[in-house]
Each structure stands twice: as structure tokens, then as C-alpha cells.
PDB file of N, CA and C in Angstrom:
ATOM      1  N   MET A   1       9.060 -11.529 -16.274  1.00  0.00           N
ATOM      2  CA  MET A   1       9.156 -10.209 -15.570  1.00  0.00           C
ATOM      3  C   MET A   1      10.280  -9.228 -15.611  1.00  0.00           C
ATOM      4  N   SER A   2       9.181  -8.442 -15.856  1.00  0.00           N
ATOM      5  CA  SER A   2      10.008  -6.724 -16.448  1.00  0.00           C
ATOM      6  C   SER A   2      10.857  -6.391 -15.235  1.00  0.00           C
ATOM      7  N   LYS A   3      11.421  -5.220 -15.337  1.00  0.00           N
ATOM      8  CA  LYS A   3      12.333  -4.666 -14.454  1.00  0.00           C
ATOM      9  C   LYS A   3      11.876  -4.160 -13.325  1.00  0.00           C
ATOM     10  N   ASN A   4      10.353  -3.018 -13.935  1.00  0.00           N
ATOM     11  CA  ASN A   4       9.231  -2.403 -13.687  1.00  0.00           C
ATOM     12  C   ASN A   4       8.630  -3.302 -12.051  1.00  0.00           C
ATOM     13  N   ASP A   5       8.276  -4.713 -12.783  1.00  0.00           N
ATOM     14  CA  ASP A   5       7.825  -5.673 -11.758  1.00  0.00           C
ATOM     15  C   ASP A   5       8.782  -5.909 -10.707  1.00  0.00           C
ATOM     16  N   LYS A   6       9.766  -6.392 -10.734  1.00  0.00           N
ATOM     17  CA  LYS A   6      10.837  -6.492  -9.630  1.00  0.00           C
ATOM     18  C   LYS A   6      10.659  -5.382  -8.805  1.00  0.00           C
ATOM     19  N   MET A   7      11.203  -4.284  -9.583  1.00  0.00           N
ATOM     20  CA  MET A   7      10.934  -3.163  -8.423  1.00  0.00           C
ATOM     21  C   MET A   7       9.507  -2.695  -7.975  1.00  0.00           C
ATOM     22  N   ASN A   8       8.643  -2.776  -8.471  1.00  0.00           N
ATOM     23  CA  ASN A   8       7.065  -2.657  -7.207  1.00  0.00           C
ATOM     24  C   ASN A   8       7.080  -4.125  -6.532  1.00  0.00           C
ATOM     25  N   ALA A   9       7.370  -5.538  -6.945  1.00  0.00           N
ATOM     26  CA  ALA A   9       8.211  -6.323  -5.647  1.00  0.00           C
ATOM     27  C   ALA A   9       8.408  -5.557  -4.855  1.00  0.00           C
ATOM     28  N   ILE A  10       9.637  -5.252  -5.081  1.00  0.00           N
ATOM     29  CA  ILE A  10      10.778  -5.420  -3.866  1.00  0.00           C
ATOM     30  C   ILE A  10      10.060  -4.238  -3.340  1.00  0.00           C
ATOM     31  N   VAL A  11       9.631  -3.224  -3.817  1.00  0.00           N
ATOM     32  CA  VAL A  11       9.101  -2.039  -2.824  1.00  0.00           C
ATOM     33  C   VAL A  11       8.016  -2.514  -1.816  1.00  0.00           C
ATOM     34  N   GLN A  12       6.903  -3.444  -2.688  1.00  0.00           N
ATOM     35  CA  GLN A  12       5.589  -3.933  -1.828  1.00  0.00           C
ATOM     36  C   GLN A  12       6.545  -4.314  -1.108  1.00  0.00           C
ATOM     37  N   LYS A  13       7.429  -5.297  -0.290  1.00  0.00           N
ATOM     38  CA  LYS A  13       7.883  -6.243   0.813  1.00  0.00           C
ATOM     39  C   LYS A  13       8.752  -5.647   1.210  1.00  0.00           C
ATOM     40  N   ALA A  14       9.106  -4.528   0.351  1.00  0.00           N
ATOM     41  CA  ALA A  14       9.883  -3.398   1.869  1.00  0.00           C
ATOM     42  C   ALA A  14       9.341  -2.580   2.752  1.00  0.00           C
ATOM     43  N   ILE A  15       8.077  -2.117   1.840  1.00  0.00           N
ATOM     44  CA  ILE A  15       6.833  -1.265   2.745  1.00  0.00           C
ATOM     45  C   ILE A  15       6.111  -1.937   3.664  1.00  0.00           C
ATOM     46  N   SER A  16       6.219  -3.520   3.421  1.00  0.00           N
ATOM     47  CA  SER A  16       5.139  -4.568   4.171  1.00  0.00           C
ATOM     48  C   SER A  16       5.894  -4.185   6.044  1.00  0.00           C
ATOM     49  N   GLU A  17       7.057  -4.789   5.669  1.00  0.00           N
ATOM     50  CA  GLU A  17       8.362  -4.745   6.890  1.00  0.00           C
ATOM     51  C   GLU A  17       8.147  -3.822   7.542  1.00  0.00           C
ATOM     52  N   ILE A  18       8.169  -2.785   6.694  1.00  0.00           N
ATOM     53  CA  ILE A  18       8.104  -1.420   7.460  1.00  0.00           C
ATOM     54  C   ILE A  18       7.042  -1.261   8.628  1.00  0.00           C
ATOM     55  N   ILE A  19       6.058  -0.924   7.242  1.00  0.00           N
ATOM     56  CA  ILE A  19       4.740  -1.026   8.589  1.00  0.00           C
ATOM     57  C   ILE A  19       4.697  -1.885   9.582  1.00  0.00           C
ATOM     58  N   GLN A  20       4.979  -3.626   9.424  1.00  0.00           N
ATOM     59  CA  GLN A  20       4.845  -4.064  10.290  1.00  0.00           C
ATOM     60  C   GLN A  20       5.547  -4.289  11.143  1.00  0.00           C
ATOM     61  N   PHE A  21       6.730  -4.030  11.041  1.00  0.00           N
ATOM     62  CA  PHE A  21       8.084  -4.018  12.012  1.00  0.00           C
ATOM     63  C   PHE A  21       8.675  -2.763  12.628  1.00  0.00           C
ATOM     64  N   GLU A  22       8.690  -1.450  12.183  1.00  0.00           N
ATOM     65  CA  GLU A  22       9.036  -0.400  12.657  1.00  0.00           C
ATOM     66  C   GLU A  22       8.108   0.431  12.654  1.00  0.00           C
ATOM     67  N   LEU A  23       6.786   0.622  11.887  1.00  0.00           N
ATOM     68  CA  LEU A  23       6.241   1.337  12.708  1.00  0.00           C
ATOM     69  C   LEU A  23       5.506   1.337  13.932  1.00  0.00           C
ATOM     70  N   LYS A  24       5.441   2.614  15.000  1.00  0.00           N
ATOM     71  CA  LYS A  24       4.961   2.075  15.929  1.00  0.00           C
ATOM     72  C   LYS A  24       3.840   2.398  16.454  1.00  0.00           C
ATOM     73  N   ASN A  25       2.725   2.506  15.915  1.00  0.00           N
ATOM     74  CA  ASN A  25       1.475   3.330  15.904  1.00  0.00           C
ATOM     75  C   ASN A  25       0.349   2.598  16.009  1.00  0.00           C
ATOM     76  N   PRO A  26      -0.029   1.909  17.718  1.00  0.00           N
ATOM     77  CA  PRO A  26      -1.325   0.908  17.409  1.00  0.00           C
ATOM     78  C   PRO A  26      -2.251   0.884  17.245  1.00  0.00           C
ATOM     79  N   LYS A  27      -2.736   2.526  16.849  1.00  0.00           N
ATOM     80  CA  LYS A  27      -3.608   3.239  16.137  1.00  0.00           C
ATOM     81  C   LYS A  27      -3.894   2.928  14.946  1.00  0.00           C
ATOM     82  N   LEU A  28      -3.018   1.842  14.273  1.00  0.00           N
ATOM     83  CA  LEU A  28      -3.112   1.857  12.833  1.00  0.00           C
ATOM     84  C   LEU A  28      -3.816  -0.026  12.102  1.00  0.00           C
ATOM     85  N   GLY A  29      -3.532  -0.344  12.950  1.00  0.00           N
ATOM     86  CA  GLY A  29      -4.652  -1.429  13.205  1.00  0.00           C
ATOM     87  C   GLY A  29      -4.267  -2.680  12.170  1.00  0.00           C
ATOM     88  N   PHE A  30      -4.544  -3.290  11.894  1.00  0.00           N
ATOM     89  CA  PHE A  30      -4.008  -4.637  11.019  1.00  0.00           C
ATOM     90  C   PHE A  30      -4.063  -4.277   9.423  1.00  0.00           C
ATOM     91  N   VAL A  31      -2.817  -3.531   8.434  1.00  0.00           N
ATOM     92  CA  VAL A  31      -3.176  -3.066   7.470  1.00  0.00           C
ATOM     93  C   VAL A  31      -2.347  -4.320   5.995  1.00  0.00           C
ATOM     94  N   THR A  32      -2.826  -4.440   5.196  1.00  0.00           N
ATOM     95  CA  THR A  32      -2.033  -5.463   4.250  1.00  0.00           C
ATOM     96  C   THR A  32      -1.646  -4.148   2.887  1.00  0.00           C
ATOM     97  N   ILE A  33      -0.646  -4.381   2.506  1.00  0.00           N
ATOM     98  CA  ILE A  33      -0.170  -3.816   1.209  1.00  0.00           C
ATOM     99  C   ILE A  33      -0.495  -4.370   0.389  1.00  0.00           C
ATOM    100  N   THR A  34      -1.913  -4.639  -0.798  1.00  0.00           N
ATOM    101  CA  THR A  34      -1.856  -5.244  -1.990  1.00  0.00           C
ATOM    102  C   THR A  34      -1.611  -5.010  -3.141  1.00  0.00           C
ATOM    103  N   ASP A  35      -0.641  -3.868  -3.033  1.00  0.00           N
ATOM    104  CA  ASP A  35      -0.043  -3.645  -4.803  1.00  0.00           C
ATOM    105  C   ASP A  35       0.692  -2.104  -4.794  1.00  0.00           C
ATOM    106  N   VAL A  36       1.836  -2.169  -5.408  1.00  0.00           N
ATOM    107  CA  VAL A  36       2.421  -1.254  -5.501  1.00  0.00           C
ATOM    108  C   VAL A  36       2.689  -1.179  -6.865  1.00  0.00           C
ATOM    109  N   ARG A  37       2.805   0.195  -7.507  1.00  0.00           N
ATOM    110  CA  ARG A  37       2.887   0.591  -8.606  1.00  0.00           C
ATOM    111  C   ARG A  37       3.846   1.360  -8.439  1.00  0.00           C
ATOM    112  N   VAL A  38       5.353   1.591  -9.106  1.00  0.00           N
ATOM    113  CA  VAL A  38       6.788   3.143  -9.561  1.00  0.00           C
ATOM    114  C   VAL A  38       6.429   2.840 -10.903  1.00  0.00           C
ATOM    115  N   THR A  39       6.465   4.337 -10.585  1.00  0.00           N
ATOM    116  CA  THR A  39       6.537   4.990 -12.669  1.00  0.00           C
ATOM    117  C   THR A  39       8.048   4.749 -13.033  1.00  0.00           C
ATOM    118  N   ASN A  40       8.191   4.032 -14.126  1.00  0.00           N
ATOM    119  CA  ASN A  40       9.282   4.148 -14.959  1.00  0.00           C
ATOM    120  C   ASN A  40      10.574   4.501 -14.269  1.00  0.00           C
ATOM    121  N   ASP A  41      10.110   5.896 -13.739  1.00  0.00           N
ATOM    122  CA  ASP A  41      11.680   7.140 -13.462  1.00  0.00           C
ATOM    123  C   ASP A  41      11.665   6.554 -12.114  1.00  0.00           C
ATOM    124  N   ASN A  42      11.111   6.102 -11.371  1.00  0.00           N
ATOM    125  CA  ASN A  42      11.275   5.755  -9.566  1.00  0.00           C
ATOM    126  C   ASN A  42      10.512   6.867  -8.887  1.00  0.00           C
ATOM    127  N   SER A  43       9.684   7.979  -9.625  1.00  0.00           N
ATOM    128  CA  SER A  43       9.659   9.396  -8.963  1.00  0.00           C
ATOM    129  C   SER A  43       8.565   8.886  -7.938  1.00  0.00           C
ATOM    130  N   ILE A  44       7.625   8.438  -8.229  1.00  0.00           N
ATOM    131  CA  ILE A  44       6.511   8.146  -7.437  1.00  0.00           C
ATOM    132  C   ILE A  44       6.098   6.311  -7.627  1.00  0.00           C
ATOM    133  N   ALA A  45       5.526   5.877  -6.304  1.00  0.00           N
ATOM    134  CA  ALA A  45       5.169   4.837  -5.825  1.00  0.00           C
ATOM    135  C   ALA A  45       3.823   4.849  -5.328  1.00  0.00           C
ATOM    136  N   LYS A  46       2.426   4.231  -5.921  1.00  0.00           N
ATOM    137  CA  LYS A  46       1.398   4.335  -5.899  1.00  0.00           C
ATOM    138  C   LYS A  46       1.357   3.186  -4.465  1.00  0.00           C
ATOM    139  N   VAL A  47       0.762   3.020  -3.969  1.00  0.00           N
ATOM    140  CA  VAL A  47       0.608   1.775  -2.622  1.00  0.00           C
ATOM    141  C   VAL A  47      -0.688   1.497  -2.151  1.00  0.00           C
ATOM    142  N   TYR A  48      -0.823   0.924  -2.998  1.00  0.00           N
ATOM    143  CA  TYR A  48      -2.403   0.043  -2.156  1.00  0.00           C
ATOM    144  C   TYR A  48      -2.482  -0.741  -1.385  1.00  0.00           C
ATOM    145  N   VAL A  49      -3.029   0.158   0.053  1.00  0.00           N
ATOM    146  CA  VAL A  49      -3.411  -0.815   1.390  1.00  0.00           C
ATOM    147  C   VAL A  49      -5.106  -1.598   1.541  1.00  0.00           C
ATOM    148  N   SER A  50      -5.082  -2.523   2.360  1.00  0.00           N
ATOM    149  CA  SER A  50      -6.601  -2.865   2.435  1.00  0.00           C
ATOM    150  C   SER A  50      -6.540  -2.791   3.971  1.00  0.00           C
ATOM    151  N   PHE A  51      -7.567  -2.263   4.603  1.00  0.00           N
ATOM    152  CA  PHE A  51      -7.407  -2.356   6.721  1.00  0.00           C
ATOM    153  C   PHE A  51      -8.829  -3.238   6.843  1.00  0.00           C
ATOM    154  N   LEU A  52      -7.822  -4.026   7.906  1.00  0.00           N
ATOM    155  CA  LEU A  52      -9.271  -4.669   8.847  1.00  0.00           C
ATOM    156  C   LEU A  52     -10.180  -4.172   9.028  1.00  0.00           C
ATOM    157  N   GLY A  53     -11.643  -4.115   8.663  1.00  0.00           N
ATOM    158  CA  GLY A  53     -12.493  -3.745   9.472  1.00  0.00           C
ATOM    159  C   GLY A  53     -13.489  -2.811   8.438  1.00  0.00           C
ATOM    160  N   LYS A  54     -14.605  -2.018   8.973  1.00  0.00           N
ATOM    161  CA  LYS A  54     -15.327  -1.279   8.428  1.00  0.00           C
ATOM    162  C   LYS A  54     -14.497  -0.122   7.847  1.00  0.00           C
ATOM    163  N   GLU A  55     -15.154   0.712   7.252  1.00  0.00           N
ATOM    164  CA  GLU A  55     -14.637   2.260   6.082  1.00  0.00           C
ATOM    165  C   GLU A  55     -13.961   3.269   6.530  1.00  0.00           C
ATOM    166  N   GLU A  56     -14.465   3.035   7.809  1.00  0.00           N
ATOM    167  CA  GLU A  56     -14.313   3.876   9.177  1.00  0.00           C
ATOM    168  C   GLU A  56     -12.356   3.978   9.249  1.00  0.00           C
ATOM    169  N   ARG A  57     -12.511   2.412   9.388  1.00  0.00           N
ATOM    170  CA  ARG A  57     -10.722   2.255   9.759  1.00  0.00           C
ATOM    171  C   ARG A  57      -9.544   1.982   8.518  1.00  0.00           C
ATOM    172  N   ASN A  58     -10.956   2.503   7.328  1.00  0.00           N
ATOM    173  CA  ASN A  58      -9.932   2.469   6.423  1.00  0.00           C
ATOM    174  C   ASN A  58      -9.688   4.114   6.143  1.00  0.00           C
ATOM    175  N   GLN A  59     -10.608   5.150   6.885  1.00  0.00           N
ATOM    176  CA  GLN A  59      -9.819   6.306   6.521  1.00  0.00           C
ATOM    177  C   GLN A  59      -8.775   6.620   7.959  1.00  0.00           C
ATOM    178  N   ALA A  60      -8.680   6.367   8.733  1.00  0.00           N
ATOM    179  CA  ALA A  60      -8.128   6.062   9.948  1.00  0.00           C
ATOM    180  C   ALA A  60      -6.750   5.837  10.138  1.00  0.00           C
ATOM    181  N   GLY A  61      -6.603   4.990   8.957  1.00  0.00           N
ATOM    182  CA  GLY A  61      -5.632   3.920   8.876  1.00  0.00           C
ATOM    183  C   GLY A  61      -4.709   5.262   7.924  1.00  0.00           C
ATOM    184  N   LEU A  62      -5.548   5.471   6.916  1.00  0.00           N
ATOM    185  CA  LEU A  62      -5.133   5.985   5.617  1.00  0.00           C
ATOM    186  C   LEU A  62      -4.445   7.036   6.042  1.00  0.00           C
ATOM    187  N   LYS A  63      -5.016   7.734   7.284  1.00  0.00           N
ATOM    188  CA  LYS A  63      -4.660   9.062   7.755  1.00  0.00           C
ATOM    189  C   LYS A  63      -3.279   8.996   8.333  1.00  0.00           C
ATOM    190  N   ILE A  64      -3.485   8.203   9.038  1.00  0.00           N
ATOM    191  CA  ILE A  64      -1.696   7.414   9.636  1.00  0.00           C
ATOM    192  C   ILE A  64      -0.386   7.071   8.868  1.00  0.00           C
ATOM    193  N   LEU A  65      -1.009   6.495   8.050  1.00  0.00           N
ATOM    194  CA  LEU A  65      -0.103   5.887   7.138  1.00  0.00           C
ATOM    195  C   LEU A  65       0.387   7.581   5.945  1.00  0.00           C
ATOM    196  N   ASN A  66      -0.390   8.482   5.925  1.00  0.00           N
ATOM    197  CA  ASN A  66       0.150   9.706   4.834  1.00  0.00           C
ATOM    198  C   ASN A  66       0.922  10.550   6.233  1.00  0.00           C
ATOM    199  N   GLN A  67       0.463  10.373   7.220  1.00  0.00           N
ATOM    200  CA  GLN A  67       1.365  11.296   8.778  1.00  0.00           C
ATOM    201  C   GLN A  67       2.541  10.712   8.692  1.00  0.00           C
ATOM    202  N   SER A  68       2.979   9.317   8.301  1.00  0.00           N
ATOM    203  CA  SER A  68       4.217   7.993   8.244  1.00  0.00           C
ATOM    204  C   SER A  68       4.421   8.010   7.474  1.00  0.00           C
ATOM    205  N   LYS A  69       4.375   9.353   6.109  1.00  0.00           N
ATOM    206  CA  LYS A  69       4.920   8.514   5.296  1.00  0.00           C
ATOM    207  C   LYS A  69       6.634   9.585   4.866  1.00  0.00           C
ATOM    208  N   GLY A  70       6.491  10.472   5.500  1.00  0.00           N
ATOM    209  CA  GLY A  70       8.226  10.735   5.625  1.00  0.00           C
ATOM    210  C   GLY A  70       9.119   9.809   6.412  1.00  0.00           C
ATOM    211  N   PHE A  71       8.693   8.959   7.311  1.00  0.00           N
ATOM    212  CA  PHE A  71       9.750   8.490   8.080  1.00  0.00           C
ATOM    213  C   PHE A  71       9.969   6.644   7.220  1.00  0.00           C
ATOM    214  N   ILE A  72       8.811   6.150   6.448  1.00  0.00           N
ATOM    215  CA  ILE A  72       8.324   4.821   5.703  1.00  0.00           C
ATOM    216  C   ILE A  72       9.400   5.240   4.963  1.00  0.00           C
ATOM    217  N   ARG A  73       8.928   6.406   3.936  1.00  0.00           N
ATOM    218  CA  ARG A  73      10.033   6.847   2.610  1.00  0.00           C
ATOM    219  C   ARG A  73      11.837   6.597   3.437  1.00  0.00           C
ATOM    220  N   SER A  74      11.929   7.409   3.998  1.00  0.00           N
ATOM    221  CA  SER A  74      13.062   7.245   4.708  1.00  0.00           C
ATOM    222  C   SER A  74      13.828   5.986   4.971  1.00  0.00           C
ATOM    223  N   GLU A  75      12.951   5.161   5.709  1.00  0.00           N
ATOM    224  CA  GLU A  75      12.888   3.682   6.223  1.00  0.00           C
ATOM    225  C   GLU A  75      13.103   2.738   4.852  1.00  0.00           C
ATOM    226  N   LEU A  76      12.423   3.234   3.797  1.00  0.00           N
ATOM    227  CA  LEU A  76      12.959   2.470   2.307  1.00  0.00           C
ATOM    228  C   LEU A  76      14.040   3.236   1.937  1.00  0.00           C
ATOM    229  N   ALA A  77      13.996   4.029   1.744  1.00  0.00           N
ATOM    230  CA  ALA A  77      15.759   4.609   1.242  1.00  0.00           C
ATOM    231  C   ALA A  77      17.075   3.772   2.096  1.00  0.00           C
ATOM    232  N   LYS A  78      16.782   3.910   2.877  1.00  0.00           N
ATOM    233  CA  LYS A  78      18.117   3.059   3.408  1.00  0.00           C
ATOM    234  C   LYS A  78      18.005   1.100   2.926  1.00  0.00           C
ATOM    235  N   ARG A  79      16.717   0.790   2.378  1.00  0.00           N
ATOM    236  CA  ARG A  79      16.559  -0.696   1.991  1.00  0.00           C
ATOM    237  C   ARG A  79      17.117  -0.759   0.652  1.00  0.00           C
ATOM    238  N   LEU A  80      16.804   0.240  -0.286  1.00  0.00           N
ATOM    239  CA  LEU A  80      16.856  -0.098  -1.793  1.00  0.00           C
ATOM    240  C   LEU A  80      18.357   0.838  -2.312  1.00  0.00           C
ATOM    241  N   SER A  81      18.503   0.255  -3.131  1.00  0.00           N
ATOM    242  CA  SER A  81      19.913   0.955  -3.175  1.00  0.00           C
ATOM    243  C   SER A  81      19.541   1.541  -4.962  1.00  0.00           C
ATOM    244  N   ILE A  82      18.910   2.411  -4.808  1.00  0.00           N
ATOM    245  CA  ILE A  82      18.759   3.288  -5.946  1.00  0.00           C
ATOM    246  C   ILE A  82      18.750   4.508  -5.898  1.00  0.00           C
ATOM    247  N   ARG A  83      19.058   5.755  -6.966  1.00  0.00           N
ATOM    248  CA  ARG A  83      19.398   6.851  -5.945  1.00  0.00           C
ATOM    249  C   ARG A  83      18.104   7.776  -5.892  1.00  0.00           C
ATOM    250  N   LYS A  84      17.267   7.362  -6.292  1.00  0.00           N
ATOM    251  CA  LYS A  84      15.977   8.429  -5.953  1.00  0.00           C
ATOM    252  C   LYS A  84      14.812   7.352  -5.378  1.00  0.00           C
ATOM    253  N   THR A  85      14.411   7.782  -4.148  1.00  0.00           N
ATOM    254  CA  THR A  85      13.430   6.569  -3.477  1.00  0.00           C
ATOM    255  C   THR A  85      11.857   7.438  -3.475  1.00  0.00           C
ATOM    256  N   PRO A  86      11.403   7.004  -4.377  1.00  0.00           N
ATOM    257  CA  PRO A  86       9.948   7.254  -4.431  1.00  0.00           C
ATOM    258  C   PRO A  86       9.332   7.641  -3.752  1.00  0.00           C
ATOM    259  N   GLU A  87       8.303   8.964  -4.015  1.00  0.00           N
ATOM    260  CA  GLU A  87       7.552   9.417  -3.448  1.00  0.00           C
ATOM    261  C   GLU A  87       6.213   8.475  -3.308  1.00  0.00           C
ATOM    262  N   LEU A  88       5.813   8.606  -2.054  1.00  0.00           N
ATOM    263  CA  LEU A  88       4.519   7.192  -1.771  1.00  0.00           C
ATOM    264  C   LEU A  88       3.110   7.848  -1.814  1.00  0.00           C
ATOM    265  N   ILE A  89       2.231   7.479  -2.294  1.00  0.00           N
ATOM    266  CA  ILE A  89       1.365   8.146  -2.604  1.00  0.00           C
ATOM    267  C   ILE A  89       0.216   6.448  -2.332  1.00  0.00           C
ATOM    268  N   PHE A  90      -0.247   6.589  -0.964  1.00  0.00           N
ATOM    269  CA  PHE A  90      -1.108   5.787  -0.521  1.00  0.00           C
ATOM    270  C   PHE A  90      -2.638   5.606  -0.996  1.00  0.00           C
ATOM    271  N   GLU A  91      -3.128   4.621  -1.070  1.00  0.00           N
ATOM    272  CA  GLU A  91      -4.488   4.438  -1.345  1.00  0.00           C
ATOM    273  C   GLU A  91      -5.270   3.696  -1.375  1.00  0.00           C
ATOM    274  N   ILE A  92      -6.619   3.668  -0.643  1.00  0.00           N
ATOM    275  CA  ILE A  92      -7.469   2.355  -0.340  1.00  0.00           C
ATOM    276  C   ILE A  92      -7.763   1.482  -1.605  1.00  0.00           C
ATOM    277  N   ASP A  93      -7.456   0.319  -1.383  1.00  0.00           N
ATOM    278  CA  ASP A  93      -8.123  -1.068  -2.722  1.00  0.00           C
ATOM    279  C   ASP A  93      -9.218  -1.301  -2.824  1.00  0.00           C
ATOM    280  N   ARG A  94     -10.146  -0.664  -3.378  1.00  0.00           N
ATOM    281  CA  ARG A  94     -10.854  -0.710  -3.712  1.00  0.00           C
ATOM    282  C   ARG A  94     -11.604  -2.480  -4.510  1.00  0.00           C
ATOM    283  N   SER A  95     -10.555  -3.139  -4.880  1.00  0.00           N
ATOM    284  CA  SER A  95     -11.018  -4.032  -5.730  1.00  0.00           C
ATOM    285  C   SER A  95     -11.342  -5.037  -5.368  1.00  0.00           C
ATOM    286  N   LEU A  96     -11.344  -5.441  -3.848  1.00  0.00           N
ATOM    287  CA  LEU A  96     -12.272  -7.080  -2.771  1.00  0.00           C
ATOM    288  C   LEU A  96     -13.749  -6.626  -3.283  1.00  0.00           C
ATOM    289  N   GLU A  97     -14.215  -5.232  -3.023  1.00  0.00           N
ATOM    290  CA  GLU A  97     -14.887  -4.519  -2.653  1.00  0.00           C
ATOM    291  C   GLU A  97     -15.984  -4.640  -4.251  1.00  0.00           C
ATOM    292  N   GLN A  98     -14.955  -4.294  -5.072  1.00  0.00           N
ATOM    293  CA  GLN A  98     -15.749  -4.074  -6.610  1.00  0.00           C
ATOM    294  C   GLN A  98     -16.067  -5.579  -7.133  1.00  0.00           C
ATOM    295  N   GLY A  99     -15.550  -7.045  -6.506  1.00  0.00           N
ATOM    296  CA  GLY A  99     -15.740  -8.280  -6.681  1.00  0.00           C
ATOM    297  C   GLY A  99     -16.238  -8.272  -6.008  1.00  0.00           C
ATOM    298  N   ASN A 100     -17.156  -8.062  -4.533  1.00  0.00           N
ATOM    299  CA  ASN A 100     -18.412  -9.101  -4.249  1.00  0.00           C
ATOM    300  C   ASN A 100     -19.147  -8.170  -4.830  1.00  0.00           C
ATOM    301  N   ARG A 101     -19.175  -7.082  -5.161  1.00  0.00           N
ATOM    302  CA  ARG A 101     -20.446  -6.232  -5.633  1.00  0.00           C
ATOM    303  C   ARG A 101     -20.481  -6.612  -6.660  1.00  0.00           C
ATOM    304  N   ILE A 102     -20.386  -7.488  -7.670  1.00  0.00           N
ATOM    305  CA  ILE A 102     -20.228  -7.648  -9.002  1.00  0.00           C
ATOM    306  C   ILE A 102     -20.954  -9.465  -8.943  1.00  0.00           C
ATOM    307  N   GLU A 103     -20.084  -9.917  -7.657  1.00  0.00           N
ATOM    308  CA  GLU A 103     -19.982 -10.819  -7.861  1.00  0.00           C
ATOM    309  C   GLU A 103     -21.873 -11.246  -7.042  1.00  0.00           C
ATOM    310  N   LYS A 104     -22.165  -9.963  -6.115  1.00  0.00           N
ATOM    311  CA  LYS A 104     -23.958  -9.877  -5.859  1.00  0.00           C
ATOM    312  C   LYS A 104     -24.949  -9.525  -6.811  1.00  0.00           C
ATOM    313  N   ILE A 105     -24.134  -8.832  -8.020  1.00  0.00           N
ATOM    314  CA  ILE A 105     -25.373  -8.034  -9.011  1.00  0.00           C
ATOM    315  C   ILE A 105     -25.717  -9.904  -9.382  1.00  0.00           C
ATOM    316  N   LEU A 106     -23.888 -10.462 -10.020  1.00  0.00           N
ATOM    317  CA  LEU A 106     -24.193 -11.878 -10.866  1.00  0.00           C
ATOM    318  C   LEU A 106     -25.413 -12.870 -10.008  1.00  0.00           C
ATOM    319  N   SER A 107     -25.411 -12.884  -8.771  1.00  0.00           N
ATOM    320  CA  SER A 107     -26.317 -13.965  -8.144  1.00  0.00           C
ATOM    321  C   SER A 107     -27.633 -13.448  -7.908  1.00  0.00           C
ATOM    322  N   ASP A 108     -27.521 -12.174  -7.849  1.00  0.00           N
ATOM    323  CA  ASP A 108     -29.384 -11.446  -8.001  1.00  0.00           C
ATOM    324  C   ASP A 108     -29.972 -11.797  -9.443  1.00  0.00           C
ATOM    325  N   LEU A 109     -28.942 -11.959 -10.784  1.00  0.00           N
ATOM    326  CA  LEU A 109     -29.489 -12.236 -11.733  1.00  0.00           C
ATOM    327  C   LEU A 109     -30.085 -13.102 -12.174  1.00  0.00           C
ATOM    328  N   SER A 110     -29.632 -14.776 -11.388  1.00  0.00           N
ATOM    329  CA  SER A 110     -29.753 -15.764 -11.493  1.00  0.00           C
ATOM    330  C   SER A 110     -30.593 -16.482 -10.493  1.00  0.00           C
TER     331      SER A 110
END
């Protein structure tokens, strides 16, 4: 496991805990952090998320996360022992949808 992989895992675990236990927003609903990609210089962390429910839930949840970005980042800074806390970019994880679409296409072919 590379140094960057470890950083990705640490940041993913920390953000998951912050969202689950610290972020007090009942409108957020059920969110899963599916992946985190931190740049080599720790300046940016792309945080891939998925929400339980329909597409509207995705947009509403993403909006809440973006509004809470400063709080999440400051909590993250308390938990990480690095000089620079990465800027957070939240993105909807579409990999499950893509997998389901490919599966449907393959089943339609046979």
C-alpha cells in the first residue's frame, strides 16, 4: 500500500466519521463515502459520495455537503497530523449506476 493509498484511506475514514457523528443536519439523509482521492501534495481531496434514494436526493445531499465543507475540513484538520488539510471536492459516485447500466445492456444482448 502506497503512502497516497494510506492517506486516501485515513481521509475517507475521518470524513465518514465527521459526517456520521459531528454533522448535525437531518436533511442530509443516508450518505456513503465510496472513495477518496487525495492529490500527492495533499492540496485537494476528491470525495466520492452516494446517497440512498433518487437523483433528487443526490443533488440535495451534495448541496448540504458543499455548504458544510468548511466545517468538515476544520474537523478533518483536527484529526490529521499533516501541515496542510486538503481542499474538499464532493462528487456523486456514478460507478454503481454505470455497472447496473452495463449489466442491463449485457442481459439485453443475451
